[in-house]
Amino acid sequence: MLTEQRYEIILKLLEEKNSITVAEVKDLLNTSESTVRRDITALHNAGKLVKVFGGAVACDRTVITHEPTVEQKAEVNVEAKQLVAAKAAALIQPEDFVYLDAGTTTASMLSFLTEKSAIFVTNAVAHAKTLAAAGFRVYLVGGELKGSTEAVVGNQALMNLQSYHFTKGFFGTNGISRQSGLTTPDMNEAMVKKTAMGQCRECFILADHSKFGNVSSVTFGAFQSGTILTDGCPEEYKSSGNVVICG
């Protein structure tokens, strides 16, 4: 297939879906990932689309690159986060080995936890301190501390996580869409989330209604890679088998 034909197909698909992944374009065109990436880069340089990690989005689609601080996020959709957090905490059973992602929604889970026989691993210093103070057994992932989100990231964190095998993992996200999946603005934090998800038997994504339809810079999981716990979502997501509305 000629290069110009591939470009035309990519742009037509993007017009229909607003966002695309390298994997789906590769399958559609029956070509290699390296070819798709080169095509996306060329179209990005030509101003035809916006290249993001793992794919591309339409030029008129907003890509969120800014990461709010913990303090800023803690003041947003508080009631919704509490509702989702209570449901998530109730899923933890005796002897579970649990990963808790950094974030304000996962932080909301802490006040609802009651299962003392569960063991927790987290990359959030604040989560670890709260859990330890409440008498839970907790391990803190080692690595570089990211100031804005108070999350531990980096190669050491990835190596730590690869040695664990979790029964359940609970994750926050900045954006959720069918095409772009679960996204976050920071590459390092995305890699930690992705690695941890790969070590979990069951993954739960905690997200209030405002996260649906948003796309941040980096995809760390596919839309179907976990059960999404939320207080509400647009109609187009309600038929998905992995979206649970809490309440």
C-alpha atoms as a PDB file:
ATOM      1  CA  MET A   1       0.000   0.000   0.000  1.00  0.00           C
ATOM      2  CA  LEU A   2       1.291   3.440  -0.929  1.00  0.00           C
ATOM      3  CA  THR A   3       2.243   5.902   1.806  1.00  0.00           C
ATOM      4  CA  GLU A   4      -0.412   8.415   0.769  1.00  0.00           C
ATOM      5  CA  GLN A   5      -3.071   5.704   0.951  1.00  0.00           C
ATOM      6  CA  ARG A   6      -2.024   4.842   4.500  1.00  0.00           C
ATOM      7  CA  TYR A   7      -2.184   8.511   5.466  1.00  0.00           C
ATOM      8  CA  GLU A   8      -5.699   8.783   4.054  1.00  0.00           C
ATOM      9  CA  ILE A   9      -6.894   5.726   5.991  1.00  0.00           C
ATOM     10  CA  ILE A  10      -5.302   6.925   9.240  1.00  0.00           C
ATOM     11  CA  LEU A  11      -6.902  10.369   8.967  1.00  0.00           C
ATOM     12  CA  LYS A  12     -10.294   8.910   8.066  1.00  0.00           C
ATOM     13  CA  LEU A  13     -10.159   6.588  11.098  1.00  0.00           C
ATOM     14  CA  LEU A  14      -9.152   9.503  13.302  1.00  0.00           C
ATOM     15  CA  GLU A  15     -12.049  11.564  11.983  1.00  0.00           C
ATOM     16  CA  GLU A  16     -14.450   8.786  12.991  1.00  0.00           C
ATOM     17  CA  LYS A  17     -12.964   7.958  16.408  1.00  0.00           C
ATOM     18  CA  ASN A  18     -11.159  11.140  17.583  1.00  0.00           C
ATOM     19  CA  SER A  19      -8.252   9.011  18.810  1.00  0.00           C
ATOM     20  CA  ILE A  20      -6.360   5.963  17.550  1.00  0.00           C
ATOM     21  CA  THR A  21      -3.741   3.550  18.831  1.00  0.00           C
ATOM     22  CA  VAL A  22      -0.725   2.221  16.956  1.00  0.00           C
ATOM     23  CA  ALA A  23      -1.947  -1.346  17.521  1.00  0.00           C
ATOM     24  CA  GLU A  24      -5.358  -0.832  15.916  1.00  0.00           C
ATOM     25  CA  VAL A  25      -3.891   0.977  12.900  1.00  0.00           C
ATOM     26  CA  LYS A  26      -1.289  -1.777  12.470  1.00  0.00           C
ATOM     27  CA  ASP A  27      -4.040  -4.402  12.366  1.00  0.00           C
ATOM     28  CA  LEU A  28      -6.191  -2.329  10.007  1.00  0.00           C
ATOM     29  CA  LEU A  29      -3.370  -1.678   7.544  1.00  0.00           C
ATOM     30  CA  ASN A  30      -1.730  -5.084   8.018  1.00  0.00           C
ATOM     31  CA  THR A  31       1.655  -3.435   8.413  1.00  0.00           C
ATOM     32  CA  SER A  32       4.338  -3.084  11.086  1.00  0.00           C
ATOM     33  CA  GLU A  33       4.193  -0.908  14.206  1.00  0.00           C
ATOM     34  CA  SER A  34       7.323   0.938  13.064  1.00  0.00           C
ATOM     35  CA  THR A  35       5.606   1.915   9.807  1.00  0.00           C
ATOM     36  CA  VAL A  36       2.535   3.145  11.665  1.00  0.00           C
ATOM     37  CA  ARG A  37       4.676   5.173  14.050  1.00  0.00           C
ATOM     38  CA  ARG A  38       6.535   6.780  11.139  1.00  0.00           C
ATOM     39  CA  ASP A  39       3.222   7.616   9.456  1.00  0.00           C
ATOM     40  CA  ILE A  40       1.826   9.165  12.646  1.00  0.00           C
ATOM     41  CA  THR A  41       5.012  11.187  13.137  1.00  0.00           C
ATOM     42  CA  ALA A  42       4.860  12.470   9.556  1.00  0.00           C
ATOM     43  CA  LEU A  43       1.195  13.443   9.915  1.00  0.00           C
ATOM     44  CA  HIS A  44       1.949  15.096  13.262  1.00  0.00           C
ATOM     45  CA  ASN A  45       4.751  17.139  11.681  1.00  0.00           C
ATOM     46  CA  ALA A  46       2.344  18.133   8.907  1.00  0.00           C
ATOM     47  CA  GLY A  47      -0.184  19.367  11.460  1.00  0.00           C
ATOM     48  CA  LYS A  48      -2.784  16.741  10.485  1.00  0.00           C
ATOM     49  CA  LEU A  49      -3.014  15.108  13.942  1.00  0.00           C
ATOM     50  CA  VAL A  50      -1.471  15.223  17.423  1.00  0.00           C
ATOM     51  CA  LYS A  51       0.888  12.392  18.295  1.00  0.00           C
ATOM     52  CA  VAL A  52       0.545  11.014  21.831  1.00  0.00           C
ATOM     53  CA  PHE A  53       2.146   8.055  23.570  1.00  0.00           C
ATOM     54  CA  GLY A  54       0.807   4.885  21.934  1.00  0.00           C
ATOM     55  CA  GLY A  55      -1.138   6.586  19.149  1.00  0.00           C
ATOM     56  CA  ALA A  56      -2.647   9.892  18.076  1.00  0.00           C
ATOM     57  CA  VAL A  57      -5.631  12.184  18.649  1.00  0.00           C
ATOM     58  CA  ALA A  58      -7.433  14.591  16.351  1.00  0.00           C
ATOM     59  CA  CYS A  59      -6.098  18.139  16.222  1.00  0.00           C
ATOM     60  CA  ASP A  60      -9.305  19.517  17.719  1.00  0.00           C
ATOM     61  CA  ARG A  61      -9.181  17.029  20.574  1.00  0.00           C
ATOM     62  CA  THR A  62      -7.831  18.449  23.822  1.00  0.00           C
ATOM     63  CA  VAL A  63      -4.857  16.567  25.227  1.00  0.00           C
ATOM     64  CA  ILE A  64      -4.295  17.277  28.909  1.00  0.00           C
ATOM     65  CA  THR A  65      -0.590  17.622  29.640  1.00  0.00           C
ATOM     66  CA  HIS A  66      -0.793  19.431  32.993  1.00  0.00           C
ATOM     67  CA  GLU A  67      -0.798  17.453  36.244  1.00  0.00           C
ATOM     68  CA  PRO A  68      -2.629  19.228  39.102  1.00  0.00           C
ATOM     69  CA  THR A  69      -1.090  18.995  42.564  1.00  0.00           C
ATOM     70  CA  VAL A  70      -2.466  16.690  45.257  1.00  0.00           C
ATOM     71  CA  GLU A  71      -3.894  19.719  47.062  1.00  0.00           C
ATOM     72  CA  GLN A  72      -5.735  20.891  43.942  1.00  0.00           C
ATOM     73  CA  LYS A  73      -7.177  17.465  43.158  1.00  0.00           C
ATOM     74  CA  ALA A  74      -8.220  16.848  46.759  1.00  0.00           C
ATOM     75  CA  GLU A  75     -10.749  19.694  46.541  1.00  0.00           C
ATOM     76  CA  VAL A  76     -12.487  18.409  43.382  1.00  0.00           C
ATOM     77  CA  ASN A  77     -15.543  16.079  43.345  1.00  0.00           C
ATOM     78  CA  VAL A  78     -15.041  15.099  46.971  1.00  0.00           C
ATOM     79  CA  GLU A  79     -18.437  13.396  47.446  1.00  0.00           C
ATOM     80  CA  ALA A  80     -18.042  11.383  44.246  1.00  0.00           C
ATOM     81  CA  LYS A  81     -14.594  10.195  45.310  1.00  0.00           C
ATOM     82  CA  GLN A  82     -15.927   9.127  48.712  1.00  0.00           C
ATOM     83  CA  LEU A  83     -18.708   7.117  47.071  1.00  0.00           C
ATOM     84  CA  VAL A  84     -16.304   5.325  44.751  1.00  0.00           C
ATOM     85  CA  ALA A  85     -13.727   4.803  47.510  1.00  0.00           C
ATOM     86  CA  ALA A  86     -16.255   3.160  49.839  1.00  0.00           C
ATOM     87  CA  LYS A  87     -17.218   0.680  47.117  1.00  0.00           C
ATOM     88  CA  ALA A  88     -13.572  -0.062  46.360  1.00  0.00           C
ATOM     89  CA  ALA A  89     -12.634  -0.625  50.003  1.00  0.00           C
ATOM     90  CA  ALA A  90     -15.502  -3.091  50.421  1.00  0.00           C
ATOM     91  CA  LEU A  91     -13.946  -5.302  47.720  1.00  0.00           C
ATOM     92  CA  ILE A  92     -10.894  -6.095  49.861  1.00  0.00           C
ATOM     93  CA  GLN A  93     -11.165  -9.562  51.405  1.00  0.00           C
ATOM     94  CA  PRO A  94      -9.194 -11.441  54.091  1.00  0.00           C
ATOM     95  CA  GLU A  95      -5.604 -12.244  53.098  1.00  0.00           C
ATOM     96  CA  ASP A  96      -5.710 -10.043  49.971  1.00  0.00           C
ATOM     97  CA  PHE A  97      -2.360  -8.712  48.774  1.00  0.00           C
ATOM     98  CA  VAL A  98      -3.312  -5.242  47.559  1.00  0.00           C
ATOM     99  CA  TYR A  99      -1.623  -2.579  45.457  1.00  0.00           C
ATOM    100  CA  LEU A 100      -2.778   0.997  46.129  1.00  0.00           C
ATOM    101  CA  ASP A 101      -1.846   3.540  43.507  1.00  0.00           C
ATOM    102  CA  ALA A 102      -1.012   7.122  44.470  1.00  0.00           C
ATOM    103  CA  GLY A 103      -3.832   9.625  44.076  1.00  0.00           C
ATOM    104  CA  THR A 104      -6.641  11.406  45.886  1.00  0.00           C
ATOM    105  CA  THR A 105      -9.366   8.874  45.039  1.00  0.00           C
ATOM    106  CA  THR A 106      -7.297   5.940  46.273  1.00  0.00           C
ATOM    107  CA  ALA A 107      -6.453   8.065  49.323  1.00  0.00           C
ATOM    108  CA  SER A 108     -10.178   8.299  50.014  1.00  0.00           C
ATOM    109  CA  MET A 109     -10.241   4.506  50.379  1.00  0.00           C
ATOM    110  CA  LEU A 110      -8.074   4.620  53.482  1.00  0.00           C
ATOM    111  CA  SER A 111     -10.804   5.748  55.869  1.00  0.00           C
ATOM    112  CA  PHE A 112     -13.060   2.893  54.704  1.00  0.00           C
ATOM    113  CA  LEU A 113     -10.567   0.033  55.086  1.00  0.00           C
ATOM    114  CA  THR A 114     -11.378  -2.541  57.769  1.00  0.00           C
ATOM    115  CA  GLU A 115      -9.731  -5.802  56.657  1.00  0.00           C
ATOM    116  CA  LYS A 116      -6.674  -6.027  58.909  1.00  0.00           C
ATOM    117  CA  SER A 117      -5.432  -9.326  57.460  1.00  0.00           C
ATOM    118  CA  ALA A 118      -4.892  -7.753  54.038  1.00  0.00           C
ATOM    119  CA  ILE A 119      -1.367  -6.615  53.120  1.00  0.00           C
ATOM    120  CA  PHE A 120      -0.869  -3.378  51.207  1.00  0.00           C
ATOM    121  CA  VAL A 121       1.832  -2.142  48.834  1.00  0.00           C
ATOM    122  CA  THR A 122       1.760   1.464  47.636  1.00  0.00           C
ATOM    123  CA  ASN A 123       3.862   4.018  45.791  1.00  0.00           C
ATOM    124  CA  ALA A 124       2.335   6.872  47.815  1.00  0.00           C
ATOM    125  CA  VAL A 125       4.209   8.002  50.911  1.00  0.00           C
ATOM    126  CA  ALA A 126       1.083   9.570  52.415  1.00  0.00           C
ATOM    127  CA  HIS A 127      -0.918   6.367  51.881  1.00  0.00           C
ATOM    128  CA  ALA A 128       1.798   4.294  53.554  1.00  0.00           C
ATOM    129  CA  LYS A 129       1.954   6.582  56.602  1.00  0.00           C
ATOM    130  CA  THR A 130      -1.820   6.535  57.048  1.00  0.00           C
ATOM    131  CA  LEU A 131      -2.029   2.762  56.692  1.00  0.00           C
ATOM    132  CA  ALA A 132       0.826   2.143  59.123  1.00  0.00           C
ATOM    133  CA  ALA A 133      -0.658   4.514  61.683  1.00  0.00           C
ATOM    134  CA  ALA A 134      -3.977   2.645  61.456  1.00  0.00           C
ATOM    135  CA  GLY A 135      -2.293  -0.694  62.172  1.00  0.00           C
ATOM    136  CA  PHE A 136      -2.250  -2.144  58.658  1.00  0.00           C
ATOM    137  CA  ARG A 137       0.727  -4.047  57.286  1.00  0.00           C
ATOM    138  CA  VAL A 138       2.113  -1.935  54.446  1.00  0.00           C
ATOM    139  CA  TYR A 139       5.121  -1.856  52.115  1.00  0.00           C
ATOM    140  CA  LEU A 140       6.272   1.326  50.399  1.00  0.00           C
ATOM    141  CA  VAL A 141       7.680   1.026  46.872  1.00  0.00           C
ATOM    142  CA  GLY A 142      11.169   2.518  46.619  1.00  0.00           C
ATOM    143  CA  GLY A 143      12.343   5.004  44.013  1.00  0.00           C
ATOM    144  CA  GLU A 144      12.205   8.696  43.086  1.00  0.00           C
ATOM    145  CA  LEU A 145       9.562  10.821  44.816  1.00  0.00           C
ATOM    146  CA  LYS A 146       7.522  13.009  42.443  1.00  0.00           C
ATOM    147  CA  GLY A 147       6.666  16.249  44.229  1.00  0.00           C
ATOM    148  CA  SER A 148       3.379  17.256  42.577  1.00  0.00           C
ATOM    149  CA  THR A 149       1.551  13.952  43.127  1.00  0.00           C
ATOM    150  CA  GLU A 150       3.649  12.579  46.034  1.00  0.00           C
ATOM    151  CA  ALA A 151       4.095   9.341  44.068  1.00  0.00           C
ATOM    152  CA  VAL A 152       7.212   7.177  43.943  1.00  0.00           C
ATOM    153  CA  VAL A 153       8.324   6.612  40.329  1.00  0.00           C
ATOM    154  CA  GLY A 154      11.410   5.583  38.352  1.00  0.00           C
ATOM    155  CA  ASN A 155      13.329   2.425  37.476  1.00  0.00           C
ATOM    156  CA  GLN A 156      13.758   1.279  41.067  1.00  0.00           C
ATOM    157  CA  ALA A 157       9.988   1.442  41.572  1.00  0.00           C
ATOM    158  CA  LEU A 158       9.423  -0.622  38.416  1.00  0.00           C
ATOM    159  CA  MET A 159      11.919  -3.248  39.568  1.00  0.00           C
ATOM    160  CA  ASN A 160      10.260  -3.445  42.995  1.00  0.00           C
ATOM    161  CA  LEU A 161       6.814  -3.928  41.495  1.00  0.00           C
ATOM    162  CA  GLN A 162       7.934  -6.694  39.140  1.00  0.00           C
ATOM    163  CA  SER A 163       8.686  -8.919  42.141  1.00  0.00           C
ATOM    164  CA  TYR A 164       5.125  -8.695  43.527  1.00  0.00           C
ATOM    165  CA  HIS A 165       1.988 -10.638  42.620  1.00  0.00           C
ATOM    166  CA  PHE A 166      -1.127  -8.815  43.797  1.00  0.00           C
ATOM    167  CA  THR A 167      -4.600 -10.262  44.222  1.00  0.00           C
ATOM    168  CA  LYS A 168      -6.134  -6.817  43.655  1.00  0.00           C
ATOM    169  CA  GLY A 169      -4.916  -3.385  42.544  1.00  0.00           C
ATOM    170  CA  PHE A 170      -6.664  -0.020  42.829  1.00  0.00           C
ATOM    171  CA  PHE A 171      -5.642   2.768  40.447  1.00  0.00           C
ATOM    172  CA  GLY A 172      -6.402   6.391  39.780  1.00  0.00           C
ATOM    173  CA  THR A 173      -6.518   7.954  36.318  1.00  0.00           C
ATOM    174  CA  ASN A 174      -6.655  11.415  34.767  1.00  0.00           C
ATOM    175  CA  GLY A 175      -8.637  10.363  31.719  1.00  0.00           C
ATOM    176  CA  ILE A 176     -10.801   7.543  30.368  1.00  0.00           C
ATOM    177  CA  SER A 177     -11.838   6.994  26.767  1.00  0.00           C
ATOM    178  CA  ARG A 178     -12.680   3.934  24.702  1.00  0.00           C
ATOM    179  CA  GLN A 179     -10.038   4.735  22.098  1.00  0.00           C
ATOM    180  CA  SER A 180      -7.153   6.107  24.168  1.00  0.00           C
ATOM    181  CA  GLY A 181      -7.862   4.007  27.254  1.00  0.00           C
ATOM    182  CA  LEU A 182      -6.620   5.058  30.698  1.00  0.00           C
ATOM    183  CA  THR A 183      -4.328   8.065  30.554  1.00  0.00           C
ATOM    184  CA  THR A 184      -2.178  10.276  32.740  1.00  0.00           C
ATOM    185  CA  PRO A 185       0.047  13.293  31.926  1.00  0.00           C
ATOM    186  CA  ASP A 186       3.360  11.936  33.234  1.00  0.00           C
ATOM    187  CA  MET A 187       5.407   9.239  31.475  1.00  0.00           C
ATOM    188  CA  ASN A 188       7.145   8.013  34.651  1.00  0.00           C
ATOM    189  CA  GLU A 189       3.914   7.706  36.592  1.00  0.00           C
ATOM    190  CA  ALA A 190       2.266   5.942  33.657  1.00  0.00           C
ATOM    191  CA  MET A 191       5.022   3.324  33.611  1.00  0.00           C
ATOM    192  CA  VAL A 192       4.549   2.626  37.324  1.00  0.00           C
ATOM    193  CA  LYS A 193       0.793   2.245  36.861  1.00  0.00           C
ATOM    194  CA  LYS A 194       1.234  -0.012  33.822  1.00  0.00           C
ATOM    195  CA  THR A 195       3.794  -2.211  35.569  1.00  0.00           C
ATOM    196  CA  ALA A 196       1.672  -2.546  38.713  1.00  0.00           C
ATOM    197  CA  MET A 197      -1.430  -3.399  36.673  1.00  0.00           C
ATOM    198  CA  GLY A 198       0.504  -6.181  34.993  1.00  0.00           C
ATOM    199  CA  GLN A 199       1.204  -7.723  38.400  1.00  0.00           C
ATOM    200  CA  CYS A 200      -2.455  -7.731  39.545  1.00  0.00           C
ATOM    201  CA  ARG A 201      -4.950 -10.574  39.298  1.00  0.00           C
ATOM    202  CA  GLU A 202      -7.762  -8.012  39.341  1.00  0.00           C
ATOM    203  CA  CYS A 203      -7.499  -4.298  38.514  1.00  0.00           C
ATOM    204  CA  PHE A 204      -9.953  -1.636  39.634  1.00  0.00           C
ATOM    205  CA  ILE A 205      -9.895   1.890  38.227  1.00  0.00           C
ATOM    206  CA  LEU A 206     -11.331   4.537  40.559  1.00  0.00           C
ATOM    207  CA  ALA A 207     -12.691   7.523  38.649  1.00  0.00           C
ATOM    208  CA  ASP A 208     -15.358  10.146  39.199  1.00  0.00           C
ATOM    209  CA  HIS A 209     -17.636  11.122  36.300  1.00  0.00           C
ATOM    210  CA  SER A 210     -15.405  14.015  35.177  1.00  0.00           C
ATOM    211  CA  LYS A 211     -12.670  11.643  33.944  1.00  0.00           C
ATOM    212  CA  PHE A 212     -14.709  10.161  31.078  1.00  0.00           C
ATOM    213  CA  GLY A 213     -13.883  11.513  27.635  1.00  0.00           C
ATOM    214  CA  ASN A 214     -10.641  13.113  28.809  1.00  0.00           C
ATOM    215  CA  VAL A 215      -7.329  12.171  27.187  1.00  0.00           C
ATOM    216  CA  SER A 216      -3.986  12.868  28.870  1.00  0.00           C
ATOM    217  CA  SER A 217      -0.570  12.511  27.273  1.00  0.00           C
ATOM    218  CA  VAL A 218       0.271   8.902  28.129  1.00  0.00           C
ATOM    219  CA  THR A 219      -1.815   5.719  28.009  1.00  0.00           C
ATOM    220  CA  PHE A 220      -1.060   3.256  30.821  1.00  0.00           C
ATOM    221  CA  GLY A 221      -3.887   0.796  30.214  1.00  0.00           C
ATOM    222  CA  ALA A 222      -6.566  -0.169  27.725  1.00  0.00           C
ATOM    223  CA  PHE A 223     -10.177   0.772  28.413  1.00  0.00           C
ATOM    224  CA  GLN A 224     -10.990  -2.882  29.145  1.00  0.00           C
ATOM    225  CA  SER A 225      -7.895  -3.554  31.275  1.00  0.00           C
ATOM    226  CA  GLY A 226      -9.777  -3.287  34.564  1.00  0.00           C
ATOM    227  CA  THR A 227     -13.130  -2.736  36.276  1.00  0.00           C
ATOM    228  CA  ILE A 228     -13.948   0.975  36.345  1.00  0.00           C
ATOM    229  CA  LEU A 229     -15.661   2.122  39.546  1.00  0.00           C
ATOM    230  CA  THR A 230     -17.400   5.485  39.134  1.00  0.00           C
ATOM    231  CA  ASP A 231     -20.234   7.634  40.460  1.00  0.00           C
ATOM    232  CA  GLY A 232     -21.550   8.146  36.922  1.00  0.00           C
ATOM    233  CA  CYS A 233     -20.600   8.239  33.259  1.00  0.00           C
ATOM    234  CA  PRO A 234     -21.949   9.265  29.822  1.00  0.00           C
ATOM    235  CA  GLU A 235     -24.530   6.960  28.231  1.00  0.00           C
ATOM    236  CA  GLU A 236     -22.040   5.638  25.691  1.00  0.00           C
ATOM    237  CA  TYR A 237     -20.019   4.001  28.486  1.00  0.00           C
ATOM    238  CA  LYS A 238     -22.891   2.480  30.467  1.00  0.00           C
ATOM    239  CA  SER A 239     -23.208  -0.547  28.213  1.00  0.00           C
ATOM    240  CA  SER A 240     -19.571  -1.477  28.788  1.00  0.00           C
ATOM    241  CA  GLY A 241     -19.224  -4.650  30.786  1.00  0.00           C
ATOM    242  CA  ASN A 242     -16.403  -3.234  32.895  1.00  0.00           C
ATOM    243  CA  VAL A 243     -18.038  -0.014  34.169  1.00  0.00           C
ATOM    244  CA  VAL A 244     -19.675  -0.190  37.611  1.00  0.00           C
ATOM    245  CA  ILE A 245     -21.672   2.805  38.825  1.00  0.00           C
ATOM    246  CA  CYS A 246     -21.450   3.047  42.594  1.00  0.00           C
ATOM    247  CA  GLY A 247     -24.356   4.179  44.716  1.00  0.00           C
END
